[in-house]
Amino acid sequence: MSNFSVPTKEQVSTENQTIFDNLTKALGFVPNLYATIAYSDTGLGRYLAFQNAKTSLSNKEKEAVNLVVSQVNECRYCQSAHTLLGKMNGFSEEEILDLRAGESSNAKLNALVAFAKEATAQKGRVSESVLNAFFNAGYSKGAMVDVILQISDKIAMNYLHNLTQIPIDFPVATELQTA
């Protein structure tokens, strides 16, 4: 289906080659989806600056959002990458599956993932009850903006993988069992 292959370091711009070197130093490899962004001479640098920007969300909260958004958007690559990152941030496999479903036994995370799930599925529209639950869980209007920015980060990556179908280079995430 896809006409996309993962570009090698030699096939990308000089700027992206430097980023590949930095990613290899930091992560031990260049994830295939990051390499795919490097088809754009400026895209990878722009994306990484956006992804690494300061936010009010903790790493666990960011991963919770990443997991549910990737599930809503049916992106197997991002489900797999963020399952690994979720575990690195202290989530169990069961918690990760719950988060992907838009639920958590932790009340604050539950409000967060319910908000992120509905905002993603409904293209930025959420019910008053979901929004109120989000604020009642202790999130601010600023945190709401940060969640929307986190959703937009993940949508970009989900769409890129869904379009290119480049190989998943993380342990493949368990399929979510739906009723």
N, C-alpha and C. Protein backbone atom coordinates (compact mmCIF):
# COMPACT_ATOMS: atom_id res chain seq x y z
N MET A 1 0.82 -1.20 0.00
CA MET A 1 0.00 0.00 0.00
C MET A 1 0.86 1.26 0.00
N SER A 2 1.93 1.22 0.77
CA SER A 2 2.73 2.43 0.95
C SER A 2 3.90 2.47 -0.03
N ASN A 3 4.19 3.65 -0.51
CA ASN A 3 5.36 3.87 -1.36
C ASN A 3 6.49 4.50 -0.57
N PHE A 4 6.44 4.37 0.74
CA PHE A 4 7.42 5.03 1.61
C PHE A 4 8.37 4.01 2.21
N SER A 5 9.63 4.37 2.19
CA SER A 5 10.65 3.62 2.91
C SER A 5 11.26 4.59 3.91
N VAL A 6 11.94 4.04 4.87
CA VAL A 6 12.58 4.87 5.89
C VAL A 6 13.88 5.41 5.30
N PRO A 7 14.02 6.74 5.22
CA PRO A 7 15.26 7.28 4.66
C PRO A 7 16.46 7.00 5.57
N THR A 8 17.58 6.77 4.95
CA THR A 8 18.82 6.58 5.70
C THR A 8 19.46 7.94 5.96
N LYS A 9 20.44 7.94 6.81
CA LYS A 9 21.16 9.18 7.13
C LYS A 9 21.72 9.82 5.86
N GLU A 10 22.21 9.03 4.95
CA GLU A 10 22.81 9.55 3.73
C GLU A 10 21.77 10.17 2.79
N GLN A 11 20.50 9.85 2.99
CA GLN A 11 19.44 10.34 2.10
C GLN A 11 18.75 11.60 2.59
N VAL A 12 19.18 12.13 3.74
CA VAL A 12 18.52 13.30 4.31
C VAL A 12 19.46 14.50 4.29
N SER A 13 18.90 15.68 4.56
CA SER A 13 19.69 16.91 4.56
C SER A 13 20.80 16.88 5.61
N THR A 14 21.77 17.75 5.43
CA THR A 14 22.88 17.85 6.39
C THR A 14 22.35 18.16 7.79
N GLU A 15 21.38 19.07 7.87
CA GLU A 15 20.78 19.41 9.19
C GLU A 15 20.16 18.16 9.81
N ASN A 16 19.42 17.38 9.02
CA ASN A 16 18.79 16.17 9.55
C ASN A 16 19.83 15.10 9.89
N GLN A 17 20.96 15.06 9.17
CA GLN A 17 22.02 14.12 9.50
C GLN A 17 22.56 14.40 10.91
N THR A 18 22.70 15.68 11.24
CA THR A 18 23.15 16.07 12.58
C THR A 18 22.12 15.63 13.62
N ILE A 19 20.84 15.82 13.32
CA ILE A 19 19.78 15.40 14.24
C ILE A 19 19.81 13.88 14.39
N PHE A 20 20.01 13.15 13.31
CA PHE A 20 20.13 11.68 13.38
C PHE A 20 21.26 11.30 14.35
N ASP A 21 22.41 11.98 14.24
CA ASP A 21 23.53 11.69 15.14
C ASP A 21 23.14 11.95 16.59
N ASN A 22 22.44 13.06 16.85
CA ASN A 22 22.02 13.39 18.21
C ASN A 22 21.01 12.38 18.74
N LEU A 23 20.07 11.95 17.89
CA LEU A 23 19.10 10.94 18.30
C LEU A 23 19.79 9.62 18.61
N THR A 24 20.76 9.25 17.79
CA THR A 24 21.48 8.00 18.02
C THR A 24 22.24 8.06 19.34
N LYS A 25 22.84 9.20 19.65
CA LYS A 25 23.53 9.36 20.93
C LYS A 25 22.56 9.27 22.10
N ALA A 26 21.39 9.89 21.97
CA ALA A 26 20.42 9.95 23.06
C ALA A 26 19.62 8.65 23.22
N LEU A 27 19.21 8.05 22.10
CA LEU A 27 18.30 6.91 22.14
C LEU A 27 18.94 5.58 21.75
N GLY A 28 20.10 5.66 21.12
CA GLY A 28 20.74 4.45 20.64
C GLY A 28 20.36 4.11 19.20
N PHE A 29 19.37 4.83 18.65
CA PHE A 29 18.93 4.62 17.27
C PHE A 29 18.04 5.78 16.87
N VAL A 30 17.71 5.86 15.59
CA VAL A 30 16.77 6.86 15.08
C VAL A 30 15.46 6.13 14.82
N PRO A 31 14.42 6.39 15.61
CA PRO A 31 13.14 5.73 15.35
C PRO A 31 12.67 5.97 13.91
N ASN A 32 12.11 4.95 13.32
CA ASN A 32 11.69 5.02 11.91
C ASN A 32 10.76 6.20 11.63
N LEU A 33 9.87 6.51 12.55
CA LEU A 33 8.94 7.61 12.28
C LEU A 33 9.66 8.96 12.30
N TYR A 34 10.64 9.12 13.18
CA TYR A 34 11.45 10.34 13.16
C TYR A 34 12.22 10.44 11.85
N ALA A 35 12.81 9.32 11.42
CA ALA A 35 13.55 9.32 10.16
C ALA A 35 12.63 9.70 9.01
N THR A 36 11.40 9.25 9.06
CA THR A 36 10.43 9.56 8.00
C THR A 36 10.13 11.05 7.95
N ILE A 37 10.09 11.70 9.10
CA ILE A 37 9.89 13.16 9.14
C ILE A 37 11.01 13.85 8.38
N ALA A 38 12.19 13.22 8.35
CA ALA A 38 13.36 13.82 7.71
C ALA A 38 13.25 13.87 6.19
N TYR A 39 12.18 13.35 5.60
CA TYR A 39 11.92 13.63 4.18
C TYR A 39 11.84 15.14 3.98
N SER A 40 11.36 15.85 5.00
CA SER A 40 11.33 17.31 4.98
C SER A 40 12.66 17.81 5.52
N ASP A 41 13.28 18.72 4.82
CA ASP A 41 14.56 19.26 5.27
C ASP A 41 14.46 19.97 6.61
N THR A 42 13.29 20.52 6.93
CA THR A 42 13.12 21.28 8.17
C THR A 42 12.15 20.63 9.16
N GLY A 43 11.40 19.65 8.73
CA GLY A 43 10.34 19.07 9.55
C GLY A 43 10.81 18.43 10.84
N LEU A 44 11.90 17.66 10.79
CA LEU A 44 12.34 16.94 11.98
C LEU A 44 12.78 17.91 13.08
N GLY A 45 13.55 18.91 12.73
CA GLY A 45 13.97 19.90 13.73
C GLY A 45 12.79 20.64 14.32
N ARG A 46 11.85 21.04 13.45
CA ARG A 46 10.65 21.75 13.92
C ARG A 46 9.84 20.85 14.85
N TYR A 47 9.65 19.59 14.45
CA TYR A 47 8.85 18.68 15.26
C TYR A 47 9.50 18.43 16.62
N LEU A 48 10.79 18.15 16.64
CA LEU A 48 11.45 17.87 17.91
C LEU A 48 11.43 19.08 18.84
N ALA A 49 11.56 20.28 18.30
CA ALA A 49 11.47 21.49 19.14
C ALA A 49 10.08 21.59 19.76
N PHE A 50 9.05 21.29 18.97
CA PHE A 50 7.67 21.33 19.47
C PHE A 50 7.47 20.23 20.52
N GLN A 51 7.91 19.02 20.20
CA GLN A 51 7.71 17.89 21.10
C GLN A 51 8.42 18.09 22.43
N ASN A 52 9.57 18.71 22.41
CA ASN A 52 10.37 18.87 23.63
C ASN A 52 10.14 20.19 24.35
N ALA A 53 9.19 20.98 23.90
CA ALA A 53 8.91 22.27 24.53
C ALA A 53 8.34 22.07 25.94
N LYS A 54 8.56 23.06 26.77
CA LYS A 54 8.06 23.04 28.15
C LYS A 54 6.54 22.96 28.18
N THR A 55 6.02 22.20 29.13
CA THR A 55 4.58 22.02 29.29
C THR A 55 4.25 21.86 30.77
N SER A 56 3.01 22.11 31.13
CA SER A 56 2.58 21.90 32.52
C SER A 56 2.30 20.43 32.81
N LEU A 57 2.27 19.60 31.78
CA LEU A 57 1.96 18.18 31.97
C LEU A 57 3.21 17.41 32.39
N SER A 58 3.03 16.48 33.30
CA SER A 58 4.13 15.59 33.68
C SER A 58 4.38 14.60 32.55
N ASN A 59 5.51 13.92 32.60
CA ASN A 59 5.79 12.90 31.59
C ASN A 59 4.73 11.80 31.59
N LYS A 60 4.25 11.41 32.78
CA LYS A 60 3.20 10.39 32.85
C LYS A 60 1.91 10.90 32.20
N GLU A 61 1.57 12.16 32.45
CA GLU A 61 0.35 12.72 31.84
C GLU A 61 0.50 12.80 30.32
N LYS A 62 1.68 13.20 29.86
CA LYS A 62 1.91 13.26 28.41
C LYS A 62 1.76 11.87 27.79
N GLU A 63 2.32 10.86 28.44
CA GLU A 63 2.21 9.50 27.91
C GLU A 63 0.77 9.01 27.94
N ALA A 64 0.02 9.37 28.96
CA ALA A 64 -1.40 8.98 29.01
C ALA A 64 -2.14 9.57 27.81
N VAL A 65 -1.89 10.84 27.53
CA VAL A 65 -2.52 11.49 26.37
C VAL A 65 -2.05 10.81 25.08
N ASN A 66 -0.75 10.57 24.96
CA ASN A 66 -0.21 9.94 23.75
C ASN A 66 -0.85 8.57 23.51
N LEU A 67 -1.05 7.81 24.57
CA LEU A 67 -1.62 6.47 24.44
C LEU A 67 -3.07 6.51 23.96
N VAL A 68 -3.89 7.36 24.58
CA VAL A 68 -5.30 7.38 24.20
C VAL A 68 -5.49 7.98 22.81
N VAL A 69 -4.74 9.02 22.47
CA VAL A 69 -4.87 9.64 21.15
C VAL A 69 -4.44 8.64 20.06
N SER A 70 -3.35 7.92 20.31
CA SER A 70 -2.88 6.94 19.33
C SER A 70 -3.88 5.80 19.15
N GLN A 71 -4.60 5.48 20.21
CA GLN A 71 -5.65 4.46 20.11
C GLN A 71 -6.82 4.99 19.28
N VAL A 72 -7.29 6.19 19.59
CA VAL A 72 -8.41 6.78 18.85
C VAL A 72 -8.07 6.85 17.36
N ASN A 73 -6.83 7.22 17.05
CA ASN A 73 -6.40 7.39 15.66
C ASN A 73 -5.88 6.10 15.02
N GLU A 74 -5.97 5.01 15.76
CA GLU A 74 -5.61 3.68 15.26
C GLU A 74 -4.20 3.64 14.69
N CYS A 75 -3.26 4.24 15.40
CA CYS A 75 -1.86 4.26 14.96
C CYS A 75 -1.08 3.20 15.73
N ARG A 76 -0.80 2.08 15.09
CA ARG A 76 -0.07 0.98 15.73
C ARG A 76 1.36 1.38 16.08
N TYR A 77 2.00 2.19 15.25
CA TYR A 77 3.37 2.62 15.54
C TYR A 77 3.39 3.38 16.87
N CYS A 78 2.54 4.38 17.00
CA CYS A 78 2.56 5.22 18.21
C CYS A 78 2.03 4.47 19.42
N GLN A 79 1.07 3.56 19.23
CA GLN A 79 0.63 2.71 20.34
C GLN A 79 1.83 1.93 20.87
N SER A 80 2.64 1.40 19.96
CA SER A 80 3.79 0.59 20.35
C SER A 80 4.88 1.44 21.01
N ALA A 81 5.22 2.56 20.39
CA ALA A 81 6.26 3.43 20.97
C ALA A 81 5.85 3.92 22.35
N HIS A 82 4.59 4.33 22.50
CA HIS A 82 4.17 4.91 23.78
C HIS A 82 3.82 3.85 24.82
N THR A 83 3.61 2.61 24.40
CA THR A 83 3.54 1.53 25.39
C THR A 83 4.90 1.38 26.06
N LEU A 84 5.96 1.38 25.26
CA LEU A 84 7.31 1.29 25.82
C LEU A 84 7.61 2.51 26.69
N LEU A 85 7.31 3.71 26.20
CA LEU A 85 7.57 4.93 26.98
C LEU A 85 6.69 4.99 28.22
N GLY A 86 5.46 4.51 28.12
CA GLY A 86 4.58 4.45 29.29
C GLY A 86 5.16 3.56 30.38
N LYS A 87 5.70 2.41 29.98
CA LYS A 87 6.33 1.51 30.95
C LYS A 87 7.56 2.18 31.57
N MET A 88 8.32 2.91 30.75
CA MET A 88 9.50 3.62 31.27
C MET A 88 9.10 4.71 32.26
N ASN A 89 7.85 5.19 32.16
CA ASN A 89 7.35 6.22 33.07
C ASN A 89 6.51 5.63 34.20
N GLY A 90 6.56 4.32 34.39
CA GLY A 90 5.97 3.69 35.57
C GLY A 90 4.60 3.07 35.40
N PHE A 91 4.04 3.05 34.20
CA PHE A 91 2.74 2.42 34.00
C PHE A 91 2.92 0.92 33.78
N SER A 92 2.00 0.12 34.32
CA SER A 92 1.99 -1.31 34.07
C SER A 92 1.30 -1.57 32.73
N GLU A 93 1.43 -2.78 32.21
CA GLU A 93 0.77 -3.15 30.96
C GLU A 93 -0.75 -2.96 31.08
N GLU A 94 -1.31 -3.35 32.22
CA GLU A 94 -2.76 -3.20 32.43
C GLU A 94 -3.16 -1.73 32.44
N GLU A 95 -2.39 -0.89 33.12
CA GLU A 95 -2.68 0.55 33.13
C GLU A 95 -2.60 1.14 31.73
N ILE A 96 -1.63 0.69 30.95
CA ILE A 96 -1.47 1.18 29.58
C ILE A 96 -2.68 0.82 28.73
N LEU A 97 -3.17 -0.40 28.86
CA LEU A 97 -4.36 -0.82 28.11
C LEU A 97 -5.58 0.00 28.53
N ASP A 98 -5.70 0.26 29.84
CA ASP A 98 -6.81 1.10 30.33
C ASP A 98 -6.69 2.52 29.76
N LEU A 99 -5.49 3.08 29.79
CA LEU A 99 -5.29 4.44 29.27
C LEU A 99 -5.63 4.51 27.79
N ARG A 100 -5.23 3.51 27.03
CA ARG A 100 -5.55 3.48 25.61
C ARG A 100 -7.07 3.45 25.39
N ALA A 101 -7.77 2.82 26.32
CA ALA A 101 -9.23 2.76 26.24
C ALA A 101 -9.88 4.05 26.73
N GLY A 102 -9.08 4.95 27.31
CA GLY A 102 -9.60 6.22 27.80
C GLY A 102 -10.07 6.16 29.24
N GLU A 103 -9.44 5.27 30.01
CA GLU A 103 -9.84 5.08 31.41
C GLU A 103 -8.60 4.94 32.30
N SER A 104 -8.79 5.24 33.58
CA SER A 104 -7.74 5.01 34.56
C SER A 104 -8.38 4.86 35.93
N SER A 105 -7.77 4.02 36.77
CA SER A 105 -8.25 3.89 38.15
C SER A 105 -7.85 5.11 38.98
N ASN A 106 -6.90 5.89 38.49
CA ASN A 106 -6.49 7.13 39.12
C ASN A 106 -7.47 8.22 38.65
N ALA A 107 -8.19 8.85 39.57
CA ALA A 107 -9.26 9.79 39.21
C ALA A 107 -8.75 10.95 38.34
N LYS A 108 -7.58 11.49 38.66
CA LYS A 108 -7.07 12.63 37.88
C LYS A 108 -6.70 12.19 36.46
N LEU A 109 -6.00 11.06 36.35
CA LEU A 109 -5.66 10.55 35.01
C LEU A 109 -6.90 10.14 34.23
N ASN A 110 -7.90 9.63 34.94
CA ASN A 110 -9.15 9.26 34.28
C ASN A 110 -9.80 10.48 33.63
N ALA A 111 -9.83 11.59 34.35
CA ALA A 111 -10.40 12.83 33.80
C ALA A 111 -9.57 13.32 32.61
N LEU A 112 -8.25 13.17 32.71
CA LEU A 112 -7.36 13.60 31.63
C LEU A 112 -7.58 12.78 30.37
N VAL A 113 -7.57 11.46 30.49
CA VAL A 113 -7.70 10.64 29.28
C VAL A 113 -9.11 10.67 28.71
N ALA A 114 -10.11 10.85 29.56
CA ALA A 114 -11.48 11.01 29.04
C ALA A 114 -11.57 12.29 28.21
N PHE A 115 -10.96 13.36 28.71
CA PHE A 115 -10.93 14.62 27.97
C PHE A 115 -10.17 14.47 26.65
N ALA A 116 -8.97 13.88 26.71
CA ALA A 116 -8.15 13.72 25.50
C ALA A 116 -8.84 12.81 24.48
N LYS A 117 -9.48 11.76 24.96
CA LYS A 117 -10.17 10.82 24.06
C LYS A 117 -11.31 11.53 23.33
N GLU A 118 -12.13 12.23 24.08
CA GLU A 118 -13.28 12.89 23.47
C GLU A 118 -12.84 14.05 22.57
N ALA A 119 -11.84 14.80 23.01
CA ALA A 119 -11.35 15.92 22.19
C ALA A 119 -10.80 15.40 20.86
N THR A 120 -10.13 14.27 20.89
CA THR A 120 -9.57 13.69 19.67
C THR A 120 -10.68 13.15 18.77
N ALA A 121 -11.54 12.34 19.35
CA ALA A 121 -12.61 11.70 18.57
C ALA A 121 -13.59 12.73 18.01
N GLN A 122 -13.81 13.81 18.74
CA GLN A 122 -14.81 14.81 18.35
C GLN A 122 -14.17 16.08 17.77
N LYS A 123 -12.89 15.97 17.39
CA LYS A 123 -12.18 17.07 16.73
C LYS A 123 -12.21 18.38 17.53
N GLY A 124 -11.90 18.25 18.81
CA GLY A 124 -11.79 19.43 19.66
C GLY A 124 -13.05 19.79 20.42
N ARG A 125 -14.09 19.03 20.21
CA ARG A 125 -15.34 19.30 20.93
C ARG A 125 -15.50 18.28 22.04
N VAL A 126 -15.77 18.76 23.23
CA VAL A 126 -16.01 17.86 24.35
C VAL A 126 -17.30 18.27 25.04
N SER A 127 -17.93 17.29 25.66
CA SER A 127 -19.16 17.57 26.39
C SER A 127 -18.85 18.40 27.63
N GLU A 128 -19.86 19.09 28.10
CA GLU A 128 -19.69 19.90 29.31
C GLU A 128 -19.31 19.03 30.49
N SER A 129 -19.87 17.82 30.57
CA SER A 129 -19.58 16.94 31.71
C SER A 129 -18.12 16.50 31.70
N VAL A 130 -17.56 16.18 30.52
CA VAL A 130 -16.16 15.77 30.43
C VAL A 130 -15.24 16.95 30.75
N LEU A 131 -15.58 18.12 30.25
CA LEU A 131 -14.77 19.31 30.53
C LEU A 131 -14.82 19.66 32.01
N ASN A 132 -16.00 19.60 32.61
CA ASN A 132 -16.12 19.88 34.05
C ASN A 132 -15.35 18.87 34.88
N ALA A 133 -15.39 17.60 34.49
CA ALA A 133 -14.65 16.56 35.22
C ALA A 133 -13.15 16.84 35.14
N PHE A 134 -12.69 17.29 33.98
CA PHE A 134 -11.28 17.65 33.78
C PHE A 134 -10.88 18.77 34.75
N PHE A 135 -11.67 19.84 34.78
CA PHE A 135 -11.36 20.96 35.68
C PHE A 135 -11.53 20.55 37.15
N ASN A 136 -12.55 19.77 37.46
CA ASN A 136 -12.78 19.33 38.83
C ASN A 136 -11.68 18.41 39.34
N ALA A 137 -10.96 17.77 38.42
CA ALA A 137 -9.84 16.91 38.81
C ALA A 137 -8.60 17.72 39.16
N GLY A 138 -8.68 19.04 38.98
CA GLY A 138 -7.56 19.91 39.36
C GLY A 138 -6.78 20.49 38.20
N TYR A 139 -7.23 20.23 36.98
CA TYR A 139 -6.55 20.81 35.83
C TYR A 139 -7.03 22.24 35.59
N SER A 140 -6.12 23.08 35.13
CA SER A 140 -6.41 24.49 34.86
C SER A 140 -6.72 24.70 33.39
N LYS A 141 -7.09 25.93 33.05
CA LYS A 141 -7.28 26.28 31.64
C LYS A 141 -5.96 26.19 30.88
N GLY A 142 -4.87 26.54 31.54
CA GLY A 142 -3.55 26.39 30.92
C GLY A 142 -3.23 24.93 30.63
N ALA A 143 -3.56 24.04 31.56
CA ALA A 143 -3.35 22.61 31.34
C ALA A 143 -4.22 22.12 30.18
N MET A 144 -5.42 22.68 30.06
CA MET A 144 -6.29 22.31 28.94
C MET A 144 -5.60 22.64 27.62
N VAL A 145 -5.00 23.83 27.55
CA VAL A 145 -4.27 24.22 26.34
C VAL A 145 -3.11 23.25 26.10
N ASP A 146 -2.37 22.90 27.16
CA ASP A 146 -1.24 21.98 27.02
C ASP A 146 -1.70 20.60 26.55
N VAL A 147 -2.86 20.15 27.00
CA VAL A 147 -3.39 18.86 26.54
C VAL A 147 -3.71 18.94 25.04
N ILE A 148 -4.34 20.02 24.61
CA ILE A 148 -4.66 20.18 23.19
C ILE A 148 -3.38 20.20 22.36
N LEU A 149 -2.33 20.86 22.84
CA LEU A 149 -1.06 20.87 22.13
C LEU A 149 -0.44 19.46 22.10
N GLN A 150 -0.58 18.71 23.19
CA GLN A 150 -0.07 17.34 23.22
C GLN A 150 -0.85 16.47 22.24
N ILE A 151 -2.16 16.66 22.18
CA ILE A 151 -2.98 15.93 21.21
C ILE A 151 -2.52 16.25 19.79
N SER A 152 -2.25 17.53 19.52
CA SER A 152 -1.84 17.91 18.16
C SER A 152 -0.50 17.28 17.80
N ASP A 153 0.42 17.19 18.76
CA ASP A 153 1.69 16.51 18.55
C ASP A 153 1.43 15.07 18.12
N LYS A 154 0.58 14.40 18.85
CA LYS A 154 0.36 12.98 18.57
C LYS A 154 -0.44 12.78 17.30
N ILE A 155 -1.39 13.64 17.01
CA ILE A 155 -2.14 13.52 15.76
C ILE A 155 -1.19 13.60 14.57
N ALA A 156 -0.24 14.53 14.60
CA ALA A 156 0.71 14.66 13.50
C ALA A 156 1.45 13.34 13.28
N MET A 157 1.94 12.75 14.34
CA MET A 157 2.68 11.49 14.21
C MET A 157 1.76 10.34 13.80
N ASN A 158 0.56 10.29 14.37
CA ASN A 158 -0.40 9.24 14.01
C ASN A 158 -0.71 9.30 12.52
N TYR A 159 -0.99 10.48 12.05
CA TYR A 159 -1.34 10.65 10.64
C TYR A 159 -0.16 10.29 9.74
N LEU A 160 1.04 10.69 10.14
CA LEU A 160 2.21 10.38 9.33
C LEU A 160 2.41 8.87 9.22
N HIS A 161 2.26 8.17 10.33
CA HIS A 161 2.42 6.71 10.25
C HIS A 161 1.26 6.07 9.50
N ASN A 162 0.05 6.51 9.77
CA ASN A 162 -1.10 5.92 9.09
C ASN A 162 -1.00 6.10 7.58
N LEU A 163 -0.39 7.19 7.15
CA LEU A 163 -0.20 7.46 5.73
C LEU A 163 0.96 6.65 5.15
N THR A 164 2.08 6.61 5.85
CA THR A 164 3.29 6.00 5.29
C THR A 164 3.39 4.50 5.57
N GLN A 165 2.84 4.05 6.69
CA GLN A 165 2.91 2.64 7.10
C GLN A 165 4.35 2.12 7.15
N ILE A 166 5.28 2.98 7.58
CA ILE A 166 6.66 2.54 7.70
C ILE A 166 6.74 1.48 8.82
N PRO A 167 7.76 0.61 8.80
CA PRO A 167 7.85 -0.47 9.79
C PRO A 167 7.92 0.04 11.23
N ILE A 168 7.26 -0.69 12.12
CA ILE A 168 7.29 -0.39 13.56
C ILE A 168 8.59 -0.95 14.11
N ASP A 169 9.40 -0.09 14.72
CA ASP A 169 10.68 -0.52 15.27
C ASP A 169 10.71 -0.50 16.80
N PHE A 170 9.56 -0.75 17.39
CA PHE A 170 9.39 -0.92 18.83
C PHE A 170 8.67 -2.24 19.04
N PRO A 171 8.73 -2.82 20.25
CA PRO A 171 7.91 -4.01 20.48
C PRO A 171 6.44 -3.66 20.19
N VAL A 172 5.78 -4.45 19.37
CA VAL A 172 4.42 -4.13 18.94
C VAL A 172 3.47 -4.24 20.13
N ALA A 173 2.67 -3.21 20.30
CA ALA A 173 1.73 -3.15 21.42
C ALA A 173 0.63 -4.20 21.27
N THR A 174 0.17 -4.67 22.40
CA THR A 174 -0.94 -5.60 22.45
C THR A 174 -2.18 -4.94 21.85
N GLU A 175 -2.93 -5.70 21.08
CA GLU A 175 -4.20 -5.18 20.55
C GLU A 175 -5.14 -4.91 21.71
N LEU A 176 -5.85 -3.84 21.64
CA LEU A 176 -6.83 -3.50 22.67
C LEU A 176 -8.10 -4.30 22.40
N GLN A 177 -8.55 -5.04 23.40
CA GLN A 177 -9.78 -5.83 23.27
C GLN A 177 -10.98 -4.91 23.48
N THR A 178 -11.84 -4.84 22.47
CA THR A 178 -13.02 -4.00 22.59
C THR A 178 -14.25 -4.87 22.72
N ALA A 179 -15.23 -4.36 23.42
CA ALA A 179 -16.46 -5.14 23.66
C ALA A 179 -17.31 -5.18 22.41
